[in-house]
Amino acid sequence: MGAIARAYNDWYRIHREALEDVLDRKDHTLGNALTAEVVRYSHLRNHVLSDKAYRSDVIIACDDDGELDPLAETMICDYFAENPQVNMLYCDEDRVEEDGVHLDPWFKPEWSPDTFLSGFYFGNIFAIRSAALAMINPGGRSAANFESASAQREDLLNEEKARLNMESNPMRSWIYEKLCLKLAQADGGFSRRPEQEWDIFPVGHIPEILFHMEEKVQTWSGNLITESLTGRYDRASALLRLISIVIPSKDNPEMLARCVRSIEGNTSVPHEIIIVDNGSTPENRAKVQKLVDELNEDGRVLYLYEEMPFNMPRFYNLGAAAASGEMLLFMHDDVIIQTKGWLSHLSEKAKLPYVGAVGMKLLYPNSNIIEHAGIISVEEGPVYKLQYCRNDESYYFDFNKGVRNVLALSGACIMVRGEIFREVGGFDEEHFPNYGGNMDFCYRIFEKGYYNVVRNNMYLYYYESYSPENGATREERELHRPMEIRILQERHPKLARRDPFYHQYLTQDVREPKFKVELSRTGVPQDER
């Protein structure tokens, strides 16, 4: 298209025209066979708990304050018709002012179970098949309840309160925890995806703006983060597992000592530490050995020394081969822990059957500046999203504040179950000796059907490149970076084209750390035309 967007409102109008053109030329026969009913959030509980829920094939639920896009019903029914295995879906949204100007788009990720548990990112529009309600009992009510006059009066009163915003928390809690959570569980939303269908998600997402709020969108925080499904800390459970912490280190004994002592001072669950040294000088090697001897009264610290070139995947694989724990944590020697319970929170999330690799938000030392809050993939390569941004601010619907599903994690802190490590074959030493080994490792885990997680509700300090080894090899590693990024994209072509946890209409500029609309990309992606 010839038009150039200079603001989101321009982008939206140009894009909307392209979308309408696509829909005009599409066959809607299957979608038109489905009947749909729009129900506002304040009426949803009463609607679902009555026999009215089954008078249409599809229930489109949306907030009271806002406008459903005219294209929404057609696109939602088409999606359900084309994806018979999906029983629930959500859509993107924005805000529209009285003068019709569109602002503040909320472009959402594909189904993200841990993001969902951290907050109701479905937001203000989702849809369900009415037939799917038979799989759950969102009200926990018996047949007698439906016939009870008092129960019906209570439903009407609750509906009126919700409509007047007098008591919105119970309404939101019911929608979030009783309805959507149960449907997501019933549809396998908290299960590993089949490896042969790793890019297919059990909960649907239409990546188009189909609802327009009157006010700026606010995310719903929830209490699900405190429930066992999220992997909250359980001391009895944590004490049953041994965690093997693998730390490569060369000629950096002082920083290594700070790292190890910070682990020991903030960790109360069973663990062992495996130090992999690829060639420290005799003097520094003696310092490391002294540290090991001081800490090794119970034999929990293992020191592996082998002279070899820099190759982080190789170091991690050597440490994993010597590990005794069922959980593996790979760390750099310049990470410092200052929060008790950090290791337990990592392991309690990593133990869940659907979860793959788990990491934490990393801050630059003694600062509020983000080094790592999750890695996303754009067409030019991987991006450490929100790097160099202030952590005391909130970015793009609290991305840096909750527990998030992301495609990849920083190699400075990655935990994974030993069985998954072996399933994917460990880190790739051959193709990624200098750069990208952590990303390739996470990509392969995701392609096995697991969900990778970053705990942005906790943080560690990362003294990046304070290690003399890192400093000495940085220039050489940077020379190999373009080649290894190309190999990464060639080995994972689908993920190179589209990161499922990063919207296709957000910027593809590898230099942009924030979430911005890609204004130069107006219109509909070619594969949808």
Protein backbone atom coordinates (compact mmCIF):
# COMPACT_ATOMS: atom_id res chain seq x y z
CA MET A 1 0.00 0.00 0.00
CA GLY A 2 1.20 3.49 -0.77
CA ALA A 3 0.14 5.23 2.42
CA ILE A 4 2.65 5.79 5.22
CA ALA A 5 1.53 5.65 8.86
CA ARG A 6 2.92 8.34 11.15
CA ALA A 7 1.01 7.33 14.28
CA TYR A 8 -0.89 4.30 15.53
CA ASN A 9 -4.24 5.81 14.48
CA ASP A 10 -2.99 6.12 10.88
CA TRP A 11 -1.61 2.58 11.04
CA TYR A 12 -4.90 1.24 12.35
CA ARG A 13 -7.02 2.81 9.61
CA ILE A 14 -4.73 1.67 6.79
CA HIS A 15 -4.45 -1.79 8.28
CA ARG A 16 -8.21 -2.02 8.81
CA GLU A 17 -8.84 -1.33 5.14
CA ALA A 18 -6.47 -4.14 4.18
CA LEU A 19 -8.15 -6.50 6.62
CA GLU A 20 -11.61 -5.68 5.27
CA ASP A 21 -10.35 -6.39 1.76
CA VAL A 22 -9.11 -9.82 2.85
CA LEU A 23 -12.41 -10.64 4.54
CA ASP A 24 -14.44 -9.47 1.54
CA ARG A 25 -12.68 -12.04 -0.62
CA LYS A 26 -12.84 -14.86 1.91
CA ASP A 27 -15.39 -17.69 1.92
CA HIS A 28 -17.33 -17.49 5.22
CA THR A 29 -19.63 -20.45 4.63
CA LEU A 30 -18.36 -22.51 7.59
CA GLY A 31 -18.27 -19.56 9.95
CA ASN A 32 -21.75 -18.41 8.98
CA ALA A 33 -23.07 -21.81 10.03
CA LEU A 34 -22.24 -20.94 13.65
CA THR A 35 -24.50 -18.71 15.71
CA ALA A 36 -22.96 -16.20 18.10
CA GLU A 37 -24.20 -14.10 21.00
CA VAL A 38 -22.44 -11.10 22.53
CA VAL A 39 -22.56 -10.99 26.34
CA ARG A 40 -21.11 -8.17 28.43
CA TYR A 41 -18.90 -9.07 31.38
CA SER A 42 -21.43 -7.90 33.97
CA HIS A 43 -24.01 -10.33 32.55
CA LEU A 44 -21.65 -13.21 31.78
CA ARG A 45 -21.89 -15.18 35.02
CA ASN A 46 -25.66 -15.15 35.07
CA HIS A 47 -25.74 -16.02 31.36
CA VAL A 48 -23.38 -18.98 31.67
CA LEU A 49 -25.10 -20.39 34.75
CA SER A 50 -28.48 -20.39 33.05
CA ASP A 51 -29.90 -22.34 30.14
CA LYS A 52 -29.39 -19.23 27.98
CA ALA A 53 -25.75 -20.25 27.52
CA TYR A 54 -26.68 -22.95 25.02
CA ARG A 55 -28.97 -21.00 22.72
CA SER A 56 -26.01 -20.05 20.50
CA ASP A 57 -22.88 -21.92 19.37
CA VAL A 58 -20.46 -19.19 20.42
CA ILE A 59 -20.45 -16.74 23.33
CA ILE A 60 -18.46 -13.56 22.67
CA ALA A 61 -17.68 -12.00 26.05
CA CYS A 62 -16.52 -8.40 26.34
CA ASP A 63 -16.25 -5.59 28.84
CA ASP A 64 -19.22 -3.31 29.49
CA ASP A 65 -17.22 -0.18 28.67
CA GLY A 66 -16.19 -0.44 25.07
CA GLU A 67 -17.26 -1.34 21.57
CA LEU A 68 -17.01 -4.65 19.77
CA ASP A 69 -15.50 -4.22 16.34
CA PRO A 70 -17.96 -4.90 13.46
CA LEU A 71 -15.54 -7.52 12.11
CA ALA A 72 -15.34 -9.40 15.40
CA GLU A 73 -18.28 -11.77 15.08
CA THR A 74 -17.31 -12.85 11.55
CA MET A 75 -13.65 -13.40 12.42
CA ILE A 76 -14.42 -15.25 15.66
CA CYS A 77 -16.94 -17.61 14.05
CA ASP A 78 -14.55 -18.24 11.15
CA TYR A 79 -11.78 -19.09 13.60
CA PHE A 80 -13.90 -21.58 15.51
CA ALA A 81 -15.11 -23.15 12.26
CA GLU A 82 -11.55 -23.51 10.94
CA ASN A 83 -10.14 -24.77 14.26
CA PRO A 84 -12.60 -27.33 15.63
CA GLN A 85 -10.17 -28.36 18.39
CA VAL A 86 -10.22 -24.88 19.95
CA ASN A 87 -12.91 -24.07 22.52
CA MET A 88 -11.70 -20.68 23.73
CA LEU A 89 -9.95 -17.75 22.08
CA TYR A 90 -9.03 -14.13 22.75
CA CYS A 91 -8.33 -11.10 20.56
CA ASP A 92 -6.32 -7.88 20.57
CA GLU A 93 -7.74 -4.52 21.58
CA ASP A 94 -7.09 -0.78 21.78
CA ARG A 95 -8.64 2.44 23.09
CA VAL A 96 -10.72 4.86 21.06
CA GLU A 97 -11.38 8.47 22.08
CA GLU A 98 -14.64 10.35 21.61
CA ASP A 99 -13.34 11.91 18.41
CA GLY A 100 -12.64 8.45 16.97
CA VAL A 101 -8.85 8.49 17.37
CA HIS A 102 -7.39 5.07 18.16
CA LEU A 103 -4.65 4.79 20.81
CA ASP A 104 -2.84 2.35 23.10
CA PRO A 105 -3.04 -0.97 21.24
CA TRP A 106 -2.69 -4.16 23.26
CA PHE A 107 -1.10 -6.69 20.93
CA LYS A 108 -1.10 -9.98 22.82
CA PRO A 109 1.07 -13.11 22.62
CA GLU A 110 -0.07 -16.55 21.58
CA TRP A 111 -1.37 -18.73 24.42
CA SER A 112 1.00 -18.22 27.34
CA PRO A 113 0.01 -20.30 30.38
CA ASP A 114 2.36 -18.67 32.87
CA THR A 115 1.58 -15.16 31.65
CA PHE A 116 -2.09 -16.03 32.12
CA LEU A 117 -1.47 -17.19 35.68
CA SER A 118 0.34 -13.92 36.39
CA GLY A 119 -2.49 -11.75 35.08
CA PHE A 120 -5.64 -11.96 32.95
CA TYR A 121 -4.08 -10.94 29.66
CA PHE A 122 -7.22 -11.93 27.73
CA GLY A 123 -8.21 -8.44 28.79
CA ASN A 124 -11.58 -7.21 27.63
CA ILE A 125 -12.57 -9.69 24.93
CA PHE A 126 -12.61 -13.46 24.62
CA ALA A 127 -14.95 -16.06 23.15
CA ILE A 128 -15.93 -19.63 24.01
CA ARG A 129 -17.90 -22.43 22.45
CA SER A 130 -21.05 -22.88 24.50
CA ALA A 131 -20.71 -26.67 24.14
CA ALA A 132 -17.40 -26.48 26.03
CA LEU A 133 -19.26 -25.42 29.17
CA ALA A 134 -20.33 -29.04 29.55
CA MET A 135 -16.68 -29.89 30.36
CA ILE A 136 -16.66 -27.66 33.43
CA ASN A 137 -18.96 -26.38 36.16
CA PRO A 138 -17.76 -22.80 36.55
CA GLY A 139 -20.24 -22.03 39.29
CA GLY A 140 -19.76 -25.19 41.27
CA ARG A 141 -23.54 -25.47 41.46
CA SER A 142 -25.90 -28.40 41.52
CA ALA A 143 -29.07 -28.82 39.49
CA ALA A 144 -31.11 -27.60 42.46
CA ASN A 145 -29.23 -24.32 42.48
CA PHE A 146 -30.41 -23.50 38.99
CA GLU A 147 -34.04 -23.90 40.05
CA SER A 148 -33.69 -22.06 43.35
CA ALA A 149 -35.52 -18.73 43.45
CA SER A 150 -33.00 -17.38 45.96
CA ALA A 151 -30.09 -18.35 43.71
CA GLN A 152 -31.71 -16.57 40.77
CA ARG A 153 -32.27 -13.43 42.86
CA GLU A 154 -28.61 -13.52 43.94
CA ASP A 155 -27.49 -13.84 40.32
CA LEU A 156 -29.56 -10.82 39.31
CA LEU A 157 -28.20 -8.77 42.23
CA ASN A 158 -24.59 -9.68 41.45
CA GLU A 159 -25.16 -8.83 37.80
CA GLU A 160 -26.55 -5.41 38.65
CA LYS A 161 -23.65 -4.68 41.03
CA ALA A 162 -21.14 -5.65 38.37
CA ARG A 163 -22.88 -3.50 35.78
CA LEU A 164 -22.65 -0.49 38.10
CA ASN A 165 -19.01 -1.32 38.94
CA MET A 166 -19.96 -1.51 42.61
CA GLU A 167 -18.32 -4.89 43.04
CA SER A 168 -16.09 -5.67 40.10
CA ASN A 169 -13.53 -7.87 41.86
CA PRO A 170 -15.88 -10.84 42.38
CA MET A 171 -17.02 -10.56 38.76
CA ARG A 172 -13.45 -10.51 37.50
CA SER A 173 -12.42 -13.33 39.80
CA TRP A 174 -15.23 -15.50 38.48
CA ILE A 175 -14.42 -14.78 34.84
CA TYR A 176 -10.70 -15.30 35.39
CA GLU A 177 -10.51 -18.20 37.81
CA LYS A 178 -13.82 -20.05 37.53
CA LEU A 179 -14.48 -19.81 33.81
CA CYS A 180 -11.36 -19.15 31.73
CA LEU A 181 -8.90 -21.01 33.95
CA LYS A 182 -11.10 -24.11 34.03
CA LEU A 183 -11.61 -24.05 30.26
CA ALA A 184 -7.88 -23.61 29.68
CA GLN A 185 -7.13 -26.54 31.96
CA ALA A 186 -9.75 -28.73 30.30
CA ASP A 187 -8.32 -27.96 26.86
CA GLY A 188 -4.72 -28.80 27.75
CA GLY A 189 -3.56 -25.23 28.29
CA PHE A 190 -1.28 -26.36 31.11
CA SER A 191 0.08 -29.43 29.37
CA ARG A 192 3.03 -29.96 27.09
CA ARG A 193 2.14 -29.45 23.43
CA PRO A 194 2.63 -32.47 21.12
CA GLU A 195 6.12 -32.32 19.64
CA GLN A 196 4.81 -32.88 16.11
CA GLU A 197 2.45 -29.88 16.61
CA TRP A 198 4.69 -27.65 18.74
CA ASP A 199 3.52 -24.50 16.93
CA ILE A 200 -0.19 -25.19 17.56
CA PHE A 201 -1.68 -23.83 20.80
CA PRO A 202 -4.69 -25.21 22.71
CA VAL A 203 -6.20 -21.76 23.32
CA GLY A 204 -6.80 -19.64 20.24
CA HIS A 205 -5.71 -16.08 19.48
CA ILE A 206 -6.93 -13.81 16.70
CA PRO A 207 -4.07 -11.31 16.31
CA GLU A 208 -6.28 -8.40 15.27
CA ILE A 209 -7.83 -5.45 17.12
CA LEU A 210 -11.44 -6.55 17.65
CA PHE A 211 -12.44 -4.53 20.71
CA HIS A 212 -12.15 -0.82 21.42
CA MET A 213 -12.13 0.32 25.05
CA GLU A 214 -13.33 3.74 26.15
CA GLU A 215 -10.62 4.05 28.80
CA LYS A 216 -6.97 3.04 28.80
CA VAL A 217 -6.70 -0.69 29.31
CA GLN A 218 -5.56 -1.95 32.71
CA THR A 219 -4.48 -5.54 33.22
CA TRP A 220 -6.30 -7.64 35.77
CA SER A 221 -3.95 -8.93 38.42
CA GLY A 222 -4.99 -12.22 39.96
CA ASN A 223 -4.36 -14.50 42.88
CA LEU A 224 -3.49 -17.45 40.67
CA ILE A 225 0.20 -16.67 41.13
CA THR A 226 -0.16 -17.89 44.72
CA GLU A 227 -1.64 -21.22 43.77
CA SER A 228 0.28 -24.45 43.34
CA LEU A 229 -0.43 -24.57 39.60
CA THR A 230 1.98 -21.67 39.11
CA GLY A 231 4.85 -23.43 40.84
CA ARG A 232 4.78 -21.38 44.03
CA TYR A 233 7.34 -22.21 46.67
CA ASP A 234 6.55 -25.31 48.70
CA ARG A 235 9.31 -26.16 51.17
CA ALA A 236 8.35 -29.82 51.49
CA SER A 237 8.42 -30.21 47.72
CA ALA A 238 11.65 -28.23 47.27
CA LEU A 239 13.52 -30.30 49.86
CA LEU A 240 12.92 -33.45 47.81
CA ARG A 241 15.02 -32.30 44.85
CA LEU A 242 18.75 -31.87 44.43
CA ILE A 243 19.71 -28.92 42.25
CA SER A 244 23.06 -28.98 40.44
CA ILE A 245 24.43 -25.47 39.80
CA VAL A 246 26.98 -25.36 36.96
CA ILE A 247 29.25 -22.28 36.92
CA PRO A 248 31.98 -21.87 34.27
CA SER A 249 34.84 -19.63 35.40
CA LYS A 250 38.37 -18.82 34.25
CA ASP A 251 40.84 -16.42 35.88
CA ASN A 252 38.07 -14.71 37.83
CA PRO A 253 38.45 -16.07 41.40
CA GLU A 254 37.25 -12.94 43.22
CA MET A 255 34.01 -12.64 41.27
CA LEU A 256 33.49 -16.40 41.42
CA ALA A 257 33.86 -16.27 45.19
CA ARG A 258 31.24 -13.50 45.42
CA CYS A 259 28.88 -15.51 43.24
CA VAL A 260 29.30 -18.75 45.18
CA ARG A 261 29.06 -17.09 48.59
CA SER A 262 25.89 -15.26 47.53
CA ILE A 263 24.42 -18.63 46.55
CA GLU A 264 25.36 -20.18 49.87
CA GLY A 265 24.04 -17.22 51.84
CA ASN A 266 20.63 -17.21 50.17
CA THR A 267 19.91 -20.89 49.58
CA SER A 268 18.38 -23.41 51.96
CA VAL A 269 17.34 -26.23 49.62
CA PRO A 270 19.54 -29.19 48.62
CA HIS A 271 22.09 -28.18 45.99
CA GLU A 272 25.56 -28.83 44.69
CA ILE A 273 27.93 -26.48 42.88
CA ILE A 274 30.04 -27.58 39.91
CA ILE A 275 32.76 -25.15 38.84
CA VAL A 276 34.08 -25.65 35.30
CA ASP A 277 37.47 -24.00 34.74
CA ASN A 278 38.85 -23.99 31.19
CA GLY A 279 42.40 -22.90 32.00
CA SER A 280 43.01 -20.46 34.86
CA THR A 281 46.59 -19.53 35.69
CA PRO A 282 48.21 -21.60 38.48
CA GLU A 283 47.79 -18.67 40.88
CA ASN A 284 44.08 -18.25 40.17
CA ARG A 285 43.54 -21.98 40.09
CA ALA A 286 44.96 -22.15 43.62
CA LYS A 287 42.55 -19.42 44.75
CA VAL A 288 39.58 -21.36 43.36
CA GLN A 289 40.77 -24.54 45.01
CA LYS A 290 41.04 -22.72 48.34
CA LEU A 291 37.45 -21.48 47.96
CA VAL A 292 36.30 -25.01 47.16
CA ASP A 293 38.09 -26.41 50.20
CA GLU A 294 36.51 -23.82 52.49
CA LEU A 295 32.99 -24.65 51.29
CA ASN A 296 33.39 -28.36 50.80
CA GLU A 297 32.90 -29.80 54.27
CA ASP A 298 29.94 -31.82 53.06
CA GLY A 299 31.31 -32.48 49.55
CA ARG A 300 28.79 -30.25 47.78
CA VAL A 301 31.31 -28.42 45.59
CA LEU A 302 33.04 -30.04 42.60
CA TYR A 303 35.91 -28.33 40.76
CA LEU A 304 36.50 -29.45 37.15
CA TYR A 305 39.66 -28.16 35.47
CA GLU A 306 40.42 -28.70 31.79
CA GLU A 307 42.31 -26.36 29.48
CA MET A 308 40.29 -25.58 26.34
CA PRO A 309 39.17 -22.61 24.21
CA PHE A 310 36.16 -20.51 25.14
CA ASN A 311 32.96 -22.46 24.40
CA MET A 312 30.13 -21.85 26.87
CA PRO A 313 27.96 -24.74 25.57
CA ARG A 314 30.92 -27.07 26.10
CA PHE A 315 31.43 -25.80 29.66
CA TYR A 316 27.76 -26.27 30.49
CA ASN A 317 27.67 -29.77 29.01
CA LEU A 318 30.75 -30.82 31.00
CA GLY A 319 29.16 -29.60 34.20
CA ALA A 320 25.86 -31.33 33.43
CA ALA A 321 27.70 -34.62 32.76
CA ALA A 322 29.14 -34.49 36.29
CA ALA A 323 25.87 -33.41 37.95
CA SER A 324 23.94 -35.56 40.41
CA GLY A 325 20.80 -33.43 40.66
CA GLU A 326 17.51 -33.89 38.85
CA MET A 327 17.42 -30.12 38.28
CA LEU A 328 20.21 -28.29 36.44
CA LEU A 329 20.94 -24.58 36.85
CA PHE A 330 23.46 -22.99 34.48
CA MET A 331 24.94 -19.72 35.73
CA HIS A 332 27.69 -17.27 34.87
CA ASP A 333 30.26 -16.53 37.55
CA ASP A 334 29.33 -12.84 37.61
CA VAL A 335 25.75 -13.29 38.82
CA ILE A 336 25.10 -12.19 42.41
CA ILE A 337 22.09 -13.32 44.46
CA GLN A 338 20.59 -11.05 47.11
CA THR A 339 17.17 -12.64 47.62
CA LYS A 340 16.47 -15.66 49.78
CA GLY A 341 14.26 -18.30 48.20
CA TRP A 342 15.41 -17.49 44.67
CA LEU A 343 16.50 -21.07 43.92
CA SER A 344 13.31 -22.55 45.30
CA HIS A 345 11.19 -20.28 43.15
CA LEU A 346 13.14 -21.31 40.07
CA SER A 347 12.85 -25.02 40.82
CA GLU A 348 9.20 -24.94 41.82
CA LYS A 349 8.35 -23.52 38.39
CA ALA A 350 10.80 -25.74 36.51
CA LYS A 351 9.37 -28.90 38.09
CA LEU A 352 5.99 -28.46 36.34
CA PRO A 353 5.51 -30.99 33.51
CA TYR A 354 4.61 -28.39 30.85
CA VAL A 355 7.49 -26.03 31.72
CA GLY A 356 10.84 -26.13 29.93
CA ALA A 357 13.63 -23.69 30.78
CA VAL A 358 13.20 -21.11 33.56
CA GLY A 359 15.16 -17.92 34.13
CA MET A 360 14.98 -14.70 36.12
CA LYS A 361 15.05 -11.02 35.41
CA LEU A 362 18.63 -9.72 35.60
CA LEU A 363 19.58 -6.19 36.61
CA TYR A 364 22.87 -4.43 36.14
CA PRO A 365 24.77 -4.26 39.45
CA ASN A 366 23.45 -1.98 42.18
CA SER A 367 20.95 -0.38 39.84
CA ASN A 368 17.38 -0.40 38.63
CA ILE A 369 18.44 -0.98 35.02
CA ILE A 370 17.28 -4.15 33.27
CA GLU A 371 19.84 -6.39 31.58
CA HIS A 372 17.47 -9.27 30.83
CA ALA A 373 13.70 -9.67 31.06
CA GLY A 374 13.32 -12.27 28.34
CA ILE A 375 14.66 -12.73 24.81
CA ILE A 376 12.39 -12.37 21.80
CA SER A 377 13.07 -13.14 18.15
CA VAL A 378 12.68 -10.58 15.37
CA GLU A 379 13.61 -10.96 11.72
CA GLU A 380 17.09 -9.53 12.26
CA GLY A 381 17.83 -11.83 15.19
CA PRO A 382 17.31 -12.16 18.95
CA VAL A 383 16.62 -9.11 21.14
CA TYR A 384 17.01 -8.74 24.90
CA LYS A 385 13.71 -6.94 25.34
CA LEU A 386 13.70 -3.98 27.72
CA GLN A 387 17.49 -4.06 28.09
CA TYR A 388 18.75 -0.74 29.52
CA CYS A 389 15.21 0.25 30.58
CA ARG A 390 14.42 1.21 34.18
CA ASN A 391 12.93 -1.60 36.21
CA ASP A 392 10.97 0.74 38.51
CA GLU A 393 8.76 1.63 35.54
CA SER A 394 6.17 -0.65 33.97
CA TYR A 395 6.39 -1.53 30.28
CA TYR A 396 3.77 -2.86 27.91
CA PHE A 397 1.11 -4.15 30.25
CA ASP A 398 3.55 -5.04 33.06
CA PHE A 399 5.80 -7.23 30.92
CA ASN A 400 8.73 -6.60 33.28
CA LYS A 401 6.74 -7.23 36.46
CA GLY A 402 5.10 -10.63 36.23
CA VAL A 403 5.94 -14.22 35.34
CA ARG A 404 6.11 -14.48 31.55
CA ASN A 405 6.40 -17.05 28.82
CA VAL A 406 9.18 -16.09 26.42
CA LEU A 407 10.97 -17.84 23.61
CA ALA A 408 14.48 -17.72 25.11
CA LEU A 409 16.45 -16.80 28.22
CA SER A 410 19.82 -15.33 29.08
CA GLY A 411 22.57 -17.92 29.39
CA ALA A 412 23.56 -16.25 32.67
CA CYS A 413 20.73 -18.05 34.50
CA ILE A 414 18.85 -21.01 33.03
CA MET A 415 17.26 -23.83 35.02
CA VAL A 416 15.87 -26.99 33.43
CA ARG A 417 14.99 -30.48 34.51
CA GLY A 418 17.72 -33.00 33.75
CA GLU A 419 15.32 -35.11 31.72
CA ILE A 420 14.61 -32.19 29.37
CA PHE A 421 18.32 -31.40 29.07
CA ARG A 422 18.93 -34.96 27.93
CA GLU A 423 15.86 -35.01 25.70
CA VAL A 424 17.10 -32.06 23.63
CA GLY A 425 20.72 -33.24 23.69
CA GLY A 426 22.16 -30.47 25.85
CA PHE A 427 23.82 -27.34 24.46
CA ASP A 428 25.13 -27.25 20.90
CA GLU A 429 28.93 -26.96 21.16
CA GLU A 430 29.58 -27.24 17.43
CA HIS A 431 27.41 -24.48 16.01
CA PHE A 432 27.30 -21.93 18.86
CA PRO A 433 30.68 -21.81 20.64
CA ASN A 434 30.67 -18.01 20.91
CA TYR A 435 27.11 -16.70 20.72
CA GLY A 436 23.56 -18.00 20.74
CA GLY A 437 23.99 -21.34 22.49
CA ASN A 438 21.45 -20.36 25.15
CA MET A 439 18.93 -19.29 22.51
CA ASP A 440 19.32 -22.43 20.43
CA PHE A 441 18.93 -24.49 23.62
CA CYS A 442 15.69 -22.67 24.55
CA TYR A 443 14.36 -22.83 20.97
CA ARG A 444 14.84 -26.61 20.90
CA ILE A 445 13.06 -26.97 24.24
CA PHE A 446 10.14 -24.91 22.94
CA GLU A 447 10.02 -27.02 19.75
CA LYS A 448 9.61 -30.09 21.97
CA GLY A 449 6.33 -28.61 23.19
CA TYR A 450 7.43 -27.05 26.49
CA TYR A 451 6.89 -23.45 27.60
CA ASN A 452 9.93 -21.42 28.65
CA VAL A 453 9.47 -19.00 31.53
CA VAL A 454 11.14 -15.87 32.87
CA ARG A 455 10.36 -14.85 36.44
CA ASN A 456 10.19 -11.10 36.07
CA ASN A 457 8.71 -10.89 39.56
CA MET A 458 12.20 -11.55 40.98
CA TYR A 459 15.67 -10.42 39.98
CA LEU A 460 19.37 -11.15 40.32
CA TYR A 461 22.31 -8.83 39.71
CA TYR A 462 24.45 -9.57 36.67
CA TYR A 463 27.96 -8.10 36.49
CA GLU A 464 28.09 -8.72 32.75
CA SER A 465 31.58 -8.94 31.27
CA TYR A 466 33.32 -8.26 34.59
CA SER A 467 35.02 -11.60 34.01
CA PRO A 468 38.52 -11.21 32.50
CA GLU A 469 37.74 -14.21 30.27
CA ASN A 470 34.67 -12.44 28.89
CA GLY A 471 36.61 -9.24 28.34
CA ALA A 472 39.51 -10.98 26.62
CA THR A 473 37.31 -12.90 24.22
CA ARG A 474 34.55 -10.33 23.61
CA GLU A 475 35.97 -8.95 20.35
CA GLU A 476 36.57 -12.41 18.96
CA ARG A 477 33.11 -13.57 19.97
CA GLU A 478 31.53 -10.51 18.37
CA LEU A 479 33.20 -11.39 15.09
CA HIS A 480 31.40 -14.74 15.14
CA ARG A 481 28.04 -13.29 16.19
CA PRO A 482 26.54 -12.59 12.71
CA MET A 483 27.44 -16.08 11.48
CA GLU A 484 26.00 -17.81 14.55
CA ILE A 485 22.81 -15.75 14.40
CA ARG A 486 22.42 -16.84 10.77
CA ILE A 487 22.89 -20.47 11.82
CA LEU A 488 20.33 -19.98 14.60
CA GLN A 489 17.77 -18.70 12.12
CA GLU A 490 18.53 -21.45 9.61
CA ARG A 491 18.09 -24.16 12.24
CA HIS A 492 14.84 -22.64 13.51
CA PRO A 493 13.20 -21.03 10.46
CA LYS A 494 9.66 -20.79 11.90
CA LEU A 495 10.82 -19.06 15.07
CA ALA A 496 13.09 -16.76 13.06
CA ARG A 497 10.06 -15.56 11.12
CA ARG A 498 7.65 -15.19 14.03
CA ASP A 499 8.12 -15.36 17.78
CA PRO A 500 4.82 -16.70 19.20
CA PHE A 501 5.18 -14.55 22.33
CA TYR A 502 5.85 -11.34 20.42
CA HIS A 503 3.16 -9.90 18.18
CA GLN A 504 3.67 -9.68 14.43
CA TYR A 505 2.62 -6.01 14.39
CA LEU A 506 5.25 -4.90 16.92
CA THR A 507 8.62 -3.57 15.80
CA GLN A 508 11.10 -5.90 14.14
CA ASP A 509 13.97 -3.46 14.75
CA VAL A 510 16.66 -5.33 16.66
CA ARG A 511 17.89 -2.01 18.07
CA GLU A 512 14.56 -1.14 19.73
CA PRO A 513 14.26 -2.54 23.28
CA LYS A 514 10.69 -1.35 23.90
CA PHE A 515 7.36 -2.55 22.51
CA LYS A 516 6.34 -0.30 19.64
CA VAL A 517 3.94 -0.70 16.74
CA GLU A 518 5.74 -1.30 13.43
CA LEU A 519 4.23 1.69 11.61
CA SER A 520 5.98 0.82 8.35
CA ARG A 521 4.08 -2.49 8.25
CA THR A 522 0.57 -1.43 7.39
CA GLY A 523 -1.74 -3.95 5.86
CA VAL A 524 -2.13 -7.68 6.46
CA PRO A 525 0.82 -10.12 6.42
CA GLN A 526 1.26 -11.79 3.03
CA ASP A 527 0.51 -15.29 4.34
CA GLU A 528 -3.00 -14.10 5.26
CA ARG A 529 -3.82 -12.60 1.87
